[in-house]
C-alpha atoms as a PDB file:
ATOM      1  CA  MET A   1      19.128   1.452   5.263  1.00  0.00           C
ATOM      2  CA  ALA A   2      17.048   2.167   2.258  1.00  0.00           C
ATOM      3  CA  ILE A   3      13.276   2.459   1.480  1.00  0.00           C
ATOM      4  CA  TYR A   4      11.780   1.737  -1.980  1.00  0.00           C
ATOM      5  CA  VAL A   5       8.141   1.684  -2.953  1.00  0.00           C
ATOM      6  CA  THR A   6       6.420  -0.436  -5.792  1.00  0.00           C
ATOM      7  CA  GLY A   7       2.979  -1.453  -6.894  1.00  0.00           C
ATOM      8  CA  ASP A   8       0.614  -4.480  -6.438  1.00  0.00           C
ATOM      9  CA  THR A   9       2.061  -7.833  -6.251  1.00  0.00           C
ATOM     10  CA  HIS A  10      -1.292  -9.959  -6.270  1.00  0.00           C
ATOM     11  CA  ARG A  11      -0.095 -12.820  -4.238  1.00  0.00           C
ATOM     12  CA  ASN A  12       2.461 -14.332  -6.695  1.00  0.00           C
ATOM     13  CA  LEU A  13       1.312 -12.862  -9.845  1.00  0.00           C
ATOM     14  CA  ASP A  14       3.474  -9.824  -9.986  1.00  0.00           C
ATOM     15  CA  THR A  15       6.451 -10.632  -8.012  1.00  0.00           C
ATOM     16  CA  ILE A  16       8.897 -11.142 -10.681  1.00  0.00           C
ATOM     17  CA  LYS A  17       9.915  -7.451 -10.256  1.00  0.00           C
ATOM     18  CA  LEU A  18      10.868  -8.147  -6.891  1.00  0.00           C
ATOM     19  CA  GLY A  19      13.187 -10.784  -7.850  1.00  0.00           C
ATOM     20  CA  LEU A  20      14.619  -8.935 -10.632  1.00  0.00           C
ATOM     21  CA  PHE A  21      15.203  -6.002  -8.251  1.00  0.00           C
ATOM     22  CA  ALA A  22      16.964  -8.114  -5.769  1.00  0.00           C
ATOM     23  CA  ASP A  23      19.189  -9.456  -8.334  1.00  0.00           C
ATOM     24  CA  LYS A  24      20.139  -6.021  -9.567  1.00  0.00           C
ATOM     25  CA  ASN A  25      20.977  -4.750  -6.237  1.00  0.00           C
ATOM     26  CA  PRO A  26      22.997  -7.323  -4.569  1.00  0.00           C
ATOM     27  CA  GLN A  27      23.813  -4.837  -1.667  1.00  0.00           C
ATOM     28  CA  LEU A  28      20.491  -4.899  -0.135  1.00  0.00           C
ATOM     29  CA  THR A  29      19.746  -6.613   3.265  1.00  0.00           C
ATOM     30  CA  LYS A  30      16.761  -7.303   5.571  1.00  0.00           C
ATOM     31  CA  SER A  31      17.662  -3.638   7.002  1.00  0.00           C
ATOM     32  CA  ASP A  32      16.150  -2.354   3.688  1.00  0.00           C
ATOM     33  CA  TYR A  33      12.671  -1.965   3.000  1.00  0.00           C
ATOM     34  CA  VAL A  34      10.459  -2.286  -0.214  1.00  0.00           C
ATOM     35  CA  ILE A  35       6.708  -0.883   0.601  1.00  0.00           C
ATOM     36  CA  ILE A  36       4.105  -2.351  -1.644  1.00  0.00           C
ATOM     37  CA  CYS A  37       1.161  -0.048  -2.401  1.00  0.00           C
ATOM     38  CA  GLY A  38      -1.719  -2.500  -1.694  1.00  0.00           C
ATOM     39  CA  ASP A  39      -2.863  -5.800  -3.312  1.00  0.00           C
ATOM     40  CA  PHE A  40      -0.120  -7.782  -1.688  1.00  0.00           C
ATOM     41  CA  GLY A  41      -2.449 -10.742  -1.735  1.00  0.00           C
ATOM     42  CA  ALA A  42      -0.206 -13.329  -0.271  1.00  0.00           C
ATOM     43  CA  VAL A  43      -2.221 -13.351   2.991  1.00  0.00           C
ATOM     44  CA  TRP A  44      -5.006 -15.212   1.017  1.00  0.00           C
ATOM     45  CA  SER A  45      -5.523 -18.807   1.909  1.00  0.00           C
ATOM     46  CA  GLU A  46      -4.643 -20.552   5.200  1.00  0.00           C
ATOM     47  CA  ARG A  47      -4.007 -23.737   3.226  1.00  0.00           C
ATOM     48  CA  THR A  48      -1.289 -22.103   0.920  1.00  0.00           C
ATOM     49  CA  LEU A  49      -0.063 -19.253   3.298  1.00  0.00           C
ATOM     50  CA  GLU A  50       3.320 -20.702   3.901  1.00  0.00           C
ATOM     51  CA  GLU A  51       4.069 -21.377   0.300  1.00  0.00           C
ATOM     52  CA  ASP A  52       2.673 -18.004  -0.712  1.00  0.00           C
ATOM     53  CA  LEU A  53       4.716 -16.074   2.028  1.00  0.00           C
ATOM     54  CA  LYS A  54       7.919 -17.978   0.898  1.00  0.00           C
ATOM     55  CA  ILE A  55       8.393 -15.908  -1.940  1.00  0.00           C
ATOM     56  CA  PHE A  56       8.603 -12.879  -0.141  1.00  0.00           C
ATOM     57  CA  GLU A  57      10.473 -14.513   2.963  1.00  0.00           C
ATOM     58  CA  ASN A  58      13.171 -15.615   0.435  1.00  0.00           C
ATOM     59  CA  LEU A  59      13.746 -11.877  -0.780  1.00  0.00           C
ATOM     60  CA  PRO A  60      16.888 -10.053   0.874  1.00  0.00           C
ATOM     61  CA  PHE A  61      15.151  -7.184   2.221  1.00  0.00           C
ATOM     62  CA  THR A  62      12.299  -6.638   4.293  1.00  0.00           C
ATOM     63  CA  VAL A  63       8.626  -6.257   2.641  1.00  0.00           C
ATOM     64  CA  LEU A  64       6.290  -3.597   3.917  1.00  0.00           C
ATOM     65  CA  PHE A  65       2.673  -3.374   2.607  1.00  0.00           C
ATOM     66  CA  VAL A  66      -0.498  -1.252   2.755  1.00  0.00           C
ATOM     67  CA  ASP A  67      -3.752  -3.279   2.160  1.00  0.00           C
ATOM     68  CA  GLY A  68      -5.242  -3.014  -1.263  1.00  0.00           C
ATOM     69  CA  ASN A  69      -8.815  -4.309  -2.182  1.00  0.00           C
ATOM     70  CA  HIS A  70      -7.635  -7.925  -3.244  1.00  0.00           C
ATOM     71  CA  GLU A  71      -6.622  -9.286   0.172  1.00  0.00           C
ATOM     72  CA  ASN A  72      -8.336 -11.905   2.530  1.00  0.00           C
ATOM     73  CA  PHE A  73      -9.224  -9.392   5.263  1.00  0.00           C
ATOM     74  CA  TRP A  74     -10.467 -11.953   7.569  1.00  0.00           C
ATOM     75  CA  LEU A  75      -7.238 -13.732   7.429  1.00  0.00           C
ATOM     76  CA  LEU A  76      -5.159 -10.373   7.510  1.00  0.00           C
ATOM     77  CA  ASN A  77      -7.261  -9.103  10.576  1.00  0.00           C
ATOM     78  CA  SER A  78      -6.590 -12.361  12.293  1.00  0.00           C
ATOM     79  CA  TYR A  79      -3.134 -11.331  13.133  1.00  0.00           C
ATOM     80  CA  PRO A  80      -2.699  -9.443  16.545  1.00  0.00           C
ATOM     81  CA  VAL A  81      -2.172  -5.564  16.143  1.00  0.00           C
ATOM     82  CA  THR A  82       1.280  -4.391  17.526  1.00  0.00           C
ATOM     83  CA  GLU A  83       3.038  -1.316  17.388  1.00  0.00           C
ATOM     84  CA  TRP A  84       6.086  -0.741  15.109  1.00  0.00           C
ATOM     85  CA  HIS A  85       7.889   2.436  14.470  1.00  0.00           C
ATOM     86  CA  GLY A  86       5.325   4.173  15.961  1.00  0.00           C
ATOM     87  CA  GLY A  87       2.230   2.990  13.979  1.00  0.00           C
ATOM     88  CA  LYS A  88       0.005   0.045  14.270  1.00  0.00           C
ATOM     89  CA  VAL A  89       0.821  -3.283  12.155  1.00  0.00           C
ATOM     90  CA  HIS A  90       0.147  -6.870  11.622  1.00  0.00           C
ATOM     91  CA  LYS A  91       3.333  -8.642  11.828  1.00  0.00           C
ATOM     92  CA  ILE A  92       2.874 -11.436   9.341  1.00  0.00           C
ATOM     93  CA  THR A  93       6.252 -12.569   9.838  1.00  0.00           C
ATOM     94  CA  PRO A  94       9.214 -10.525  11.176  1.00  0.00           C
ATOM     95  CA  ARG A  95      10.188  -9.409   7.806  1.00  0.00           C
ATOM     96  CA  ILE A  96       6.564  -9.133   6.286  1.00  0.00           C
ATOM     97  CA  ILE A  97       4.867  -6.243   7.899  1.00  0.00           C
ATOM     98  CA  HIS A  98       1.221  -4.867   7.135  1.00  0.00           C
ATOM     99  CA  LEU A  99       1.196  -1.236   7.698  1.00  0.00           C
ATOM    100  CA  MET A 100      -2.396  -0.376   8.896  1.00  0.00           C
ATOM    101  CA  ARG A 101      -4.784   2.317   7.826  1.00  0.00           C
ATOM    102  CA  GLY A 102      -4.319   5.849   9.050  1.00  0.00           C
ATOM    103  CA  GLN A 103      -0.916   5.364  10.653  1.00  0.00           C
ATOM    104  CA  VAL A 104       2.009   7.538  10.824  1.00  0.00           C
ATOM    105  CA  PHE A 105       5.586   5.536  10.976  1.00  0.00           C
ATOM    106  CA  GLU A 106       8.935   6.978  11.478  1.00  0.00           C
ATOM    107  CA  LEU A 107      11.535   5.193   9.347  1.00  0.00           C
ATOM    108  CA  GLU A 108      15.228   6.503   8.869  1.00  0.00           C
ATOM    109  CA  GLY A 109      14.364  10.084  10.052  1.00  0.00           C
ATOM    110  CA  LYS A 110      11.138  10.014   7.385  1.00  0.00           C
ATOM    111  CA  THR A 111       7.460  10.180   8.585  1.00  0.00           C
ATOM    112  CA  ILE A 112       5.007   8.129   6.337  1.00  0.00           C
ATOM    113  CA  PHE A 113       1.335   8.403   6.572  1.00  0.00           C
ATOM    114  CA  THR A 114      -0.489   5.136   5.305  1.00  0.00           C
ATOM    115  CA  PHE A 115      -3.944   4.380   4.387  1.00  0.00           C
ATOM    116  CA  GLY A 116      -4.891   1.279   2.465  1.00  0.00           C
ATOM    117  CA  GLY A 117      -8.352  -0.121   0.983  1.00  0.00           C
ATOM    118  CA  ALA A 118     -10.270   0.563  -2.223  1.00  0.00           C
ATOM    119  CA  THR A 119     -13.245  -0.622  -4.140  1.00  0.00           C
ATOM    120  CA  SER A 120     -12.979  -3.884  -6.094  1.00  0.00           C
ATOM    121  CA  VAL A 121     -14.457  -2.923  -9.540  1.00  0.00           C
ATOM    122  CA  ASP A 122     -14.973  -6.633 -10.266  1.00  0.00           C
ATOM    123  CA  LYS A 123     -16.581  -7.594  -7.184  1.00  0.00           C
ATOM    124  CA  ALA A 124     -19.703  -8.566  -8.946  1.00  0.00           C
ATOM    125  CA  PHE A 125     -17.836 -11.749 -10.194  1.00  0.00           C
ATOM    126  CA  ARG A 126     -16.383 -12.543  -6.944  1.00  0.00           C
ATOM    127  CA  ILE A 127     -17.775 -14.475  -3.838  1.00  0.00           C
ATOM    128  CA  GLU A 128     -17.961 -12.633  -0.497  1.00  0.00           C
ATOM    129  CA  GLY A 129     -15.901 -14.328   2.104  1.00  0.00           C
ATOM    130  CA  GLU A 130     -14.059 -16.200  -0.662  1.00  0.00           C
ATOM    131  CA  SER A 131     -12.534 -13.995  -3.060  1.00  0.00           C
ATOM    132  CA  TRP A 132     -13.990 -10.377  -1.731  1.00  0.00           C
ATOM    133  CA  TRP A 133     -14.356  -8.878   1.395  1.00  0.00           C
ATOM    134  CA  ALA A 134     -16.389  -6.052   2.553  1.00  0.00           C
ATOM    135  CA  GLU A 135     -13.447  -4.816   4.777  1.00  0.00           C
ATOM    136  CA  GLU A 136     -11.840  -3.676   1.719  1.00  0.00           C
ATOM    137  CA  MET A 137     -13.528  -0.138   2.188  1.00  0.00           C
ATOM    138  CA  PRO A 138     -12.028   2.092   4.533  1.00  0.00           C
ATOM    139  CA  THR A 139     -14.302   3.205   7.522  1.00  0.00           C
ATOM    140  CA  TYR A 140     -14.883   6.672   8.797  1.00  0.00           C
ATOM    141  CA  GLU A 141     -13.288   5.029  12.255  1.00  0.00           C
ATOM    142  CA  GLU A 142     -10.238   4.483  10.197  1.00  0.00           C
ATOM    143  CA  LEU A 143     -10.558   7.978   8.613  1.00  0.00           C
ATOM    144  CA  ASP A 144     -10.981   9.534  12.165  1.00  0.00           C
ATOM    145  CA  GLU A 145      -7.746   7.535  13.358  1.00  0.00           C
ATOM    146  CA  GLY A 146      -5.922   8.962  10.547  1.00  0.00           C
ATOM    147  CA  ILE A 147      -6.793  12.601  11.229  1.00  0.00           C
ATOM    148  CA  ALA A 148      -6.084  12.183  14.967  1.00  0.00           C
ATOM    149  CA  ASN A 149      -2.749  10.467  13.993  1.00  0.00           C
ATOM    150  CA  LEU A 150      -1.832  13.357  11.438  1.00  0.00           C
ATOM    151  CA  LYS A 151      -2.588  15.963  14.021  1.00  0.00           C
ATOM    152  CA  ARG A 152       0.323  14.740  16.270  1.00  0.00           C
ATOM    153  CA  TYR A 153       2.513  15.672  13.406  1.00  0.00           C
ATOM    154  CA  ASN A 154       0.766  18.976  12.760  1.00  0.00           C
ATOM    155  CA  ASN A 155      -0.640  17.599   9.552  1.00  0.00           C
ATOM    156  CA  LYS A 156       2.813  17.361   8.033  1.00  0.00           C
ATOM    157  CA  VAL A 157       4.363  14.131   6.990  1.00  0.00           C
ATOM    158  CA  ASP A 158       7.101  13.360   4.429  1.00  0.00           C
ATOM    159  CA  TYR A 159       5.336  10.619   2.309  1.00  0.00           C
ATOM    160  CA  ILE A 160       1.919   9.254   1.783  1.00  0.00           C
ATOM    161  CA  ILE A 161       1.479   5.730   0.637  1.00  0.00           C
ATOM    162  CA  THR A 162      -2.066   4.580  -0.222  1.00  0.00           C
ATOM    163  CA  HIS A 163      -3.556   1.848  -2.354  1.00  0.00           C
ATOM    164  CA  SER A 164      -5.902   4.147  -4.263  1.00  0.00           C
ATOM    165  CA  CYS A 165      -5.764   8.006  -4.876  1.00  0.00           C
ATOM    166  CA  GLY A 166      -7.676  11.255  -4.325  1.00  0.00           C
ATOM    167  CA  GLU A 167     -10.302  12.469  -6.971  1.00  0.00           C
ATOM    168  CA  ARG A 168      -7.843  15.203  -8.075  1.00  0.00           C
ATOM    169  CA  ALA A 169      -5.349  12.421  -9.087  1.00  0.00           C
ATOM    170  CA  LEU A 170      -7.879  10.960 -11.658  1.00  0.00           C
ATOM    171  CA  MET A 171      -7.790  14.015 -13.656  1.00  0.00           C
ATOM    172  CA  TYR A 172      -4.097  13.820 -14.333  1.00  0.00           C
ATOM    173  CA  PRO A 173      -2.511  11.663 -17.194  1.00  0.00           C
ATOM    174  CA  PRO A 174      -1.634   8.898 -17.074  1.00  0.00           C
ATOM    175  CA  LEU A 175      -4.795   8.104 -15.416  1.00  0.00           C
ATOM    176  CA  ARG A 176      -7.099  10.296 -17.246  1.00  0.00           C
ATOM    177  CA  THR A 177      -5.796   8.795 -20.502  1.00  0.00           C
ATOM    178  CA  ARG A 178      -5.792   5.200 -19.703  1.00  0.00           C
ATOM    179  CA  SER A 179      -7.662   3.071 -22.039  1.00  0.00           C
ATOM    180  CA  PHE A 180      -9.655   1.560 -19.117  1.00  0.00           C
ATOM    181  CA  GLN A 181     -11.388   4.213 -17.329  1.00  0.00           C
ATOM    182  CA  MET A 182     -12.263   3.638 -13.531  1.00  0.00           C
ATOM    183  CA  GLY A 183     -14.849   5.717 -11.858  1.00  0.00           C
ATOM    184  CA  ARG A 184     -14.890   7.580  -8.763  1.00  0.00           C
ATOM    185  CA  TYR A 185     -15.723   5.579  -5.630  1.00  0.00           C
ATOM    186  CA  PRO A 186     -15.825   6.536  -1.977  1.00  0.00           C
ATOM    187  CA  GLU A 187     -12.237   6.014  -0.976  1.00  0.00           C
ATOM    188  CA  ASN A 188     -11.249   8.672  -3.555  1.00  0.00           C
ATOM    189  CA  HIS A 189     -13.126  11.100  -2.046  1.00  0.00           C
ATOM    190  CA  MET A 190     -11.868  10.198   1.438  1.00  0.00           C
ATOM    191  CA  LEU A 191      -8.235  10.282   0.109  1.00  0.00           C
ATOM    192  CA  SER A 192      -9.035  13.712  -1.068  1.00  0.00           C
ATOM    193  CA  TYR A 193      -9.499  15.121   2.391  1.00  0.00           C
ATOM    194  CA  PHE A 194      -6.084  13.985   3.298  1.00  0.00           C
ATOM    195  CA  GLU A 195      -4.749  15.735   0.090  1.00  0.00           C
ATOM    196  CA  ASP A 196      -6.686  19.030   1.168  1.00  0.00           C
ATOM    197  CA  ILE A 197      -5.165  18.963   4.836  1.00  0.00           C
ATOM    198  CA  VAL A 198      -1.677  17.167   4.695  1.00  0.00           C
ATOM    199  CA  ASP A 199       1.641  19.051   3.988  1.00  0.00           C
ATOM    200  CA  TYR A 200       3.656  16.429   2.399  1.00  0.00           C
ATOM    201  CA  LYS A 201       6.564  15.814  -0.290  1.00  0.00           C
ATOM    202  CA  HIS A 202       5.279  12.812  -2.322  1.00  0.00           C
ATOM    203  CA  TRP A 203       2.378  10.583  -2.438  1.00  0.00           C
ATOM    204  CA  TYR A 204       2.538   6.946  -3.930  1.00  0.00           C
ATOM    205  CA  PHE A 205      -0.165   4.773  -4.861  1.00  0.00           C
ATOM    206  CA  GLY A 206      -0.934   1.590  -6.750  1.00  0.00           C
ATOM    207  CA  HIS A 207      -4.200  -0.075  -7.827  1.00  0.00           C
ATOM    208  CA  TYR A 208      -4.486   1.359 -11.131  1.00  0.00           C
ATOM    209  CA  HIS A 209      -1.910  -1.215 -12.911  1.00  0.00           C
ATOM    210  CA  MET A 210       0.386   1.261 -14.431  1.00  0.00           C
ATOM    211  CA  ASP A 211       3.487   3.335 -13.577  1.00  0.00           C
ATOM    212  CA  GLY A 212       3.587   6.913 -14.175  1.00  0.00           C
ATOM    213  CA  ARG A 213       4.395  10.352 -12.269  1.00  0.00           C
ATOM    214  CA  LEU A 214       1.118  12.421 -12.287  1.00  0.00           C
ATOM    215  CA  ASN A 215       2.844  15.672 -11.124  1.00  0.00           C
ATOM    216  CA  ASP A 216       5.704  16.807  -8.755  1.00  0.00           C
ATOM    217  CA  LYS A 217       4.156  15.337  -5.898  1.00  0.00           C
ATOM    218  CA  MET A 218       2.322  12.135  -6.974  1.00  0.00           C
ATOM    219  CA  THR A 219       3.405   8.744  -8.544  1.00  0.00           C
ATOM    220  CA  VAL A 220       1.237   5.911  -9.714  1.00  0.00           C
ATOM    221  CA  LEU A 221       3.166   2.291  -9.457  1.00  0.00           C
ATOM    222  CA  TYR A 222       2.751  -0.859 -10.698  1.00  0.00           C
ATOM    223  CA  ASN A 223       6.068  -2.643 -12.066  1.00  0.00           C
ATOM    224  CA  ASP A 224       8.520   0.081 -11.393  1.00  0.00           C
ATOM    225  CA  ILE A 225      10.517   0.035  -7.897  1.00  0.00           C
ATOM    226  CA  VAL A 226      11.741   3.272  -7.166  1.00  0.00           C
ATOM    227  CA  PRO A 227      13.424   4.937  -3.955  1.00  0.00           C
ATOM    228  CA  LEU A 228      11.437   6.708  -1.511  1.00  0.00           C
ATOM    229  CA  GLY A 229      11.711  10.323  -2.321  1.00  0.00           C
ATOM    230  CA  GLU A 230      12.071   9.852  -6.021  1.00  0.00           C
END
C-alpha cells in the first residue's frame, strides 16, 4: 500500500492531475491512497452527485480528503459518521472517504492528524446555503476534539494534513512572496496551536493554489502529487 498527497480538486476543475498520475503509475490499486488537502468539492450538488463522484470512482486508487472551505457542508454532513482506521470519517463511497477534523488515523504504520476547514476569501460573492456554508470555519469543539485525540498519542504523530496552515507558514516563501497575498484568518491562528504542541515529521496543506516546500517540515500542494513523507 502506498500513500500520496495532493492539493485541491474543486469538484471537477482540477482533477486532470489525478488522471495523469494514474496513467503514469499503472501499478496503483484501490489499496493505495491519494489524500486531497481540502476543497475536494465533488460532494456539492445532490442533482449532479453521481456524475461528480464518478470521476473519482473511476480512478484506480482510493481517494481520501480533508474538507476545505469550498464544500457543501450540509450535504457532506448528511452522511453518517463512522470510524475508520482509528478516526471519524464520512464514507461517501467505499473508495471516497472524508477524513474529519481533529482525527488521528493509523495507515500502514503511520499516524496522520487531520484538520480541515478555512475561510472563503470570496464569500462576499457567494450565496450562503448555495455556494458558501458557515460550517467551513473550524469550531472550538473540533479544536478540543483534536487536542484530546492528539493527547492519546502523546502529542506525537508522523504527519499533519490540513487545508489551510498556521500563521508562521505564511511568513515563508513561497507563500510570503506570492503575487496574491491572503491575510491571516482565525483558522491560521487555530492551526498554529497544533504547530506549537505537536511533534510531527511533515505537514501538508492546500488552499493557496501553489506548490512548494516551505521548510524541512512543511509543504503546500496544488498540482503536485507527492508520496507521503517526501
